[in-house]
């Protein structure tokens, strides 16, 4: 991880004074774990796509506007960003999370390395795993009762990634 952190730090800021790193890939691939390890190596904050509400049927394209408006635009102007984290269990927003202007920020989740945001990203990591493994991971985490919803989501994200060409733009590809 230290070697990857050095590569990230060699990149210039990409969003105002902030170097934004996107950790993207399909659900259950290990993005959150990977982003946490990279954040520890970089000494930076992680903002997760799961901090924003997304309906199962909407797909990955819908949540990013909130991240852009509340976090990336302010950082691009040299100001702190902030957002209210969504609590999926309670289906309600929780406290306000401040995202300070810092040398590096990691954004993690399905759709973070989207083509429309490439100009804001200093470095992108694509994390992938076998689909059966990914499904086992998300069901172990969230419960078997959500299998139909997860299968719908997997199809939505597969279509999203194919149309967006996300993996092909990655600076680093990690298989878990």
Protein backbone atom coordinates (compact mmCIF):
# COMPACT_ATOMS: atom_id res chain seq x y z
CA UNK A 1 0.00 0.00 0.00
CA UNK A 2 2.92 2.35 0.70
CA UNK A 3 4.09 2.07 -2.92
CA UNK A 4 0.62 2.93 -4.19
CA UNK A 5 0.37 5.84 -1.75
CA UNK A 6 3.66 7.23 -3.11
CA UNK A 7 2.30 6.99 -6.66
CA UNK A 8 -0.84 8.86 -5.61
CA UNK A 9 1.18 11.58 -3.89
CA UNK A 10 3.25 12.10 -7.04
CA UNK A 11 0.11 13.34 -8.80
CA UNK A 12 -0.78 17.03 -8.71
CA UNK A 13 -4.00 18.28 -7.09
CA UNK A 14 -7.01 17.63 -9.28
CA UNK A 15 -9.91 19.38 -7.55
CA UNK A 16 -8.74 22.81 -6.48
CA UNK A 17 -5.95 22.18 -3.97
CA UNK A 18 -7.09 18.57 -3.32
CA UNK A 19 -5.81 15.39 -4.92
CA UNK A 20 -8.96 13.24 -5.32
CA UNK A 21 -8.56 9.46 -5.56
CA UNK A 22 -11.51 7.36 -6.74
CA UNK A 23 -11.81 3.73 -5.65
CA UNK A 24 -14.43 2.19 -7.92
CA UNK A 25 -15.64 -1.24 -8.96
CA UNK A 26 -18.68 -3.47 -8.57
CA UNK A 27 -20.51 -4.08 -5.30
CA UNK A 28 -18.87 -6.59 -2.99
CA UNK A 29 -15.48 -6.35 -4.67
CA UNK A 30 -13.70 -4.99 -1.58
CA UNK A 31 -13.64 -1.26 -2.36
CA UNK A 32 -14.42 -0.12 1.18
CA UNK A 33 -11.71 -2.27 2.73
CA UNK A 34 -9.19 -1.23 0.08
CA UNK A 35 -10.07 2.46 0.41
CA UNK A 36 -9.65 2.25 4.18
CA UNK A 37 -6.18 0.75 3.85
CA UNK A 38 -5.16 3.32 1.25
CA UNK A 39 -6.55 6.15 3.39
CA UNK A 40 -4.47 4.92 6.33
CA UNK A 41 -1.35 4.95 4.14
CA UNK A 42 -2.17 8.44 2.86
CA UNK A 43 -3.50 9.84 6.14
CA UNK A 44 -6.68 11.07 4.50
CA UNK A 45 -10.46 10.96 4.74
CA UNK A 46 -12.74 8.62 2.75
CA UNK A 47 -16.20 9.61 1.52
CA UNK A 48 -18.28 6.57 0.58
CA UNK A 49 -21.03 6.35 -2.02
CA UNK A 50 -22.96 4.47 0.67
CA UNK A 51 -23.10 7.75 2.60
CA UNK A 52 -25.68 8.89 0.01
CA UNK A 53 -29.11 7.33 -0.63
CA UNK A 54 -29.67 5.33 -3.81
CA UNK A 55 -32.76 3.32 -4.66
CA UNK A 56 -32.11 -0.24 -5.87
CA UNK A 57 -33.79 0.48 -9.20
CA UNK A 58 -31.95 3.73 -9.90
CA UNK A 59 -28.44 2.42 -10.45
CA UNK A 60 -25.04 4.04 -9.91
CA UNK A 61 -25.64 7.18 -11.92
CA UNK A 62 -28.00 8.89 -9.47
CA UNK A 63 -26.12 9.53 -6.23
CA UNK A 64 -23.05 11.35 -7.58
CA UNK A 65 -24.76 14.74 -8.09
CA UNK A 66 -25.02 15.15 -4.30
CA UNK A 67 -21.31 14.36 -3.82
CA UNK A 68 -20.39 16.78 -6.58
CA UNK A 69 -22.55 19.61 -5.27
CA UNK A 70 -21.83 19.21 -1.57
CA UNK A 71 -18.19 18.06 -1.56
CA UNK A 72 -16.33 18.30 -4.86
CA UNK A 73 -17.46 21.76 -6.00
CA UNK A 74 -16.59 23.43 -2.69
CA UNK A 75 -13.20 21.65 -2.60
CA UNK A 76 -12.58 22.76 -6.19
CA UNK A 77 -13.06 26.32 -4.96
CA UNK A 78 -10.68 25.79 -2.04
CA UNK A 79 -13.48 25.58 0.53
CA UNK A 80 -14.45 22.69 2.82
CA UNK A 81 -17.30 20.48 1.68
CA UNK A 82 -19.95 18.88 3.88
CA UNK A 83 -22.82 16.46 3.59
CA UNK A 84 -25.34 14.62 5.75
CA UNK A 85 -24.60 10.90 5.92
CA UNK A 86 -27.50 8.61 5.08
CA UNK A 87 -28.30 5.84 7.57
CA UNK A 88 -29.57 2.89 5.52
CA UNK A 89 -30.92 1.00 8.53
CA UNK A 90 -33.03 3.90 9.79
CA UNK A 91 -33.72 5.28 6.28
CA UNK A 92 -32.84 8.76 7.51
CA UNK A 93 -30.03 11.28 7.34
CA UNK A 94 -27.64 11.50 10.28
CA UNK A 95 -25.19 14.18 11.36
CA UNK A 96 -23.25 16.49 9.11
CA UNK A 97 -19.84 15.29 7.90
CA UNK A 98 -17.27 17.98 7.11
CA UNK A 99 -14.75 17.32 4.34
CA UNK A 100 -11.86 19.72 4.92
CA UNK A 101 -9.53 21.03 2.28
CA UNK A 102 -6.66 18.55 2.54
CA UNK A 103 -3.87 17.31 0.30
CA UNK A 104 -5.77 14.09 -0.53
CA UNK A 105 -9.34 12.78 -0.38
CA UNK A 106 -10.56 9.31 -1.33
CA UNK A 107 -14.04 8.89 -2.78
CA UNK A 108 -15.13 5.25 -2.73
CA UNK A 109 -18.01 3.42 -4.30
CA UNK A 110 -19.76 2.35 -7.45
CA UNK A 111 -19.57 5.23 -9.91
CA UNK A 112 -16.88 7.36 -8.24
CA UNK A 113 -14.47 7.09 -11.19
CA UNK A 114 -17.13 7.99 -13.77
CA UNK A 115 -16.01 9.54 -17.05
CA UNK A 116 -17.89 12.78 -16.34
CA UNK A 117 -15.73 13.33 -13.24
CA UNK A 118 -12.38 12.27 -14.71
CA UNK A 119 -11.16 15.88 -14.76
CA UNK A 120 -11.56 15.98 -10.94
CA UNK A 121 -9.59 12.81 -10.26
CA UNK A 122 -5.86 12.60 -9.68
CA UNK A 123 -5.82 8.79 -9.47
CA UNK A 124 -8.31 5.96 -9.96
CA UNK A 125 -8.32 2.44 -8.58
CA UNK A 126 -10.58 -0.28 -9.95
CA UNK A 127 -11.29 -3.10 -7.47
CA UNK A 128 -12.81 -6.32 -8.78
CA UNK A 129 -13.70 -9.85 -7.69
CA UNK A 130 -15.55 -12.83 -9.08
CA UNK A 131 -19.33 -12.24 -9.18
CA UNK A 132 -20.15 -15.28 -7.02
CA UNK A 133 -17.74 -14.05 -4.34
CA UNK A 134 -19.16 -10.54 -4.53
CA UNK A 135 -22.70 -11.84 -4.10
CA UNK A 136 -21.68 -13.96 -1.10
CA UNK A 137 -20.02 -10.91 0.47
CA UNK A 138 -22.98 -8.54 0.10
CA UNK A 139 -25.47 -11.16 1.30
CA UNK A 140 -23.31 -11.97 4.33
CA UNK A 141 -23.12 -8.27 5.12
CA UNK A 142 -26.72 -7.24 4.37
CA UNK A 143 -28.78 -10.43 4.65
CA UNK A 144 -29.98 -13.13 2.27
CA UNK A 145 -33.43 -11.50 2.05
CA UNK A 146 -31.87 -8.82 -0.18
CA UNK A 147 -30.65 -11.23 -2.85
CA UNK A 148 -33.26 -10.15 -5.47
CA UNK A 149 -32.37 -6.49 -4.89
CA UNK A 150 -28.65 -7.21 -5.13
CA UNK A 151 -29.13 -9.13 -8.38
CA UNK A 152 -31.01 -6.12 -9.80
CA UNK A 153 -28.21 -3.83 -8.63
CA UNK A 154 -25.49 -6.06 -10.13
CA UNK A 155 -27.22 -5.83 -13.53
CA UNK A 156 -27.55 -2.05 -13.22
CA UNK A 157 -23.90 -1.55 -12.31
CA UNK A 158 -22.71 -3.92 -15.05
CA UNK A 159 -24.59 -1.84 -17.63
CA UNK A 160 -23.27 1.36 -16.05
CA UNK A 161 -19.63 0.23 -16.13
CA UNK A 162 -19.93 -1.02 -19.72
CA UNK A 163 -21.37 2.30 -20.91
CA UNK A 164 -18.97 4.42 -18.85
CA UNK A 165 -15.79 2.44 -19.62
CA UNK A 166 -14.69 2.88 -16.02
CA UNK A 167 -12.24 -0.02 -15.73
CA UNK A 168 -10.33 1.01 -18.86
CA UNK A 169 -9.46 4.41 -17.31
CA UNK A 170 -8.13 3.02 -14.04
CA UNK A 171 -4.57 3.84 -12.97
CA UNK A 172 -4.48 0.68 -10.85
CA UNK A 173 -6.51 -2.54 -11.06
CA UNK A 174 -6.82 -4.67 -7.92
CA UNK A 175 -8.37 -8.13 -7.78
CA UNK A 176 -9.55 -9.32 -4.37
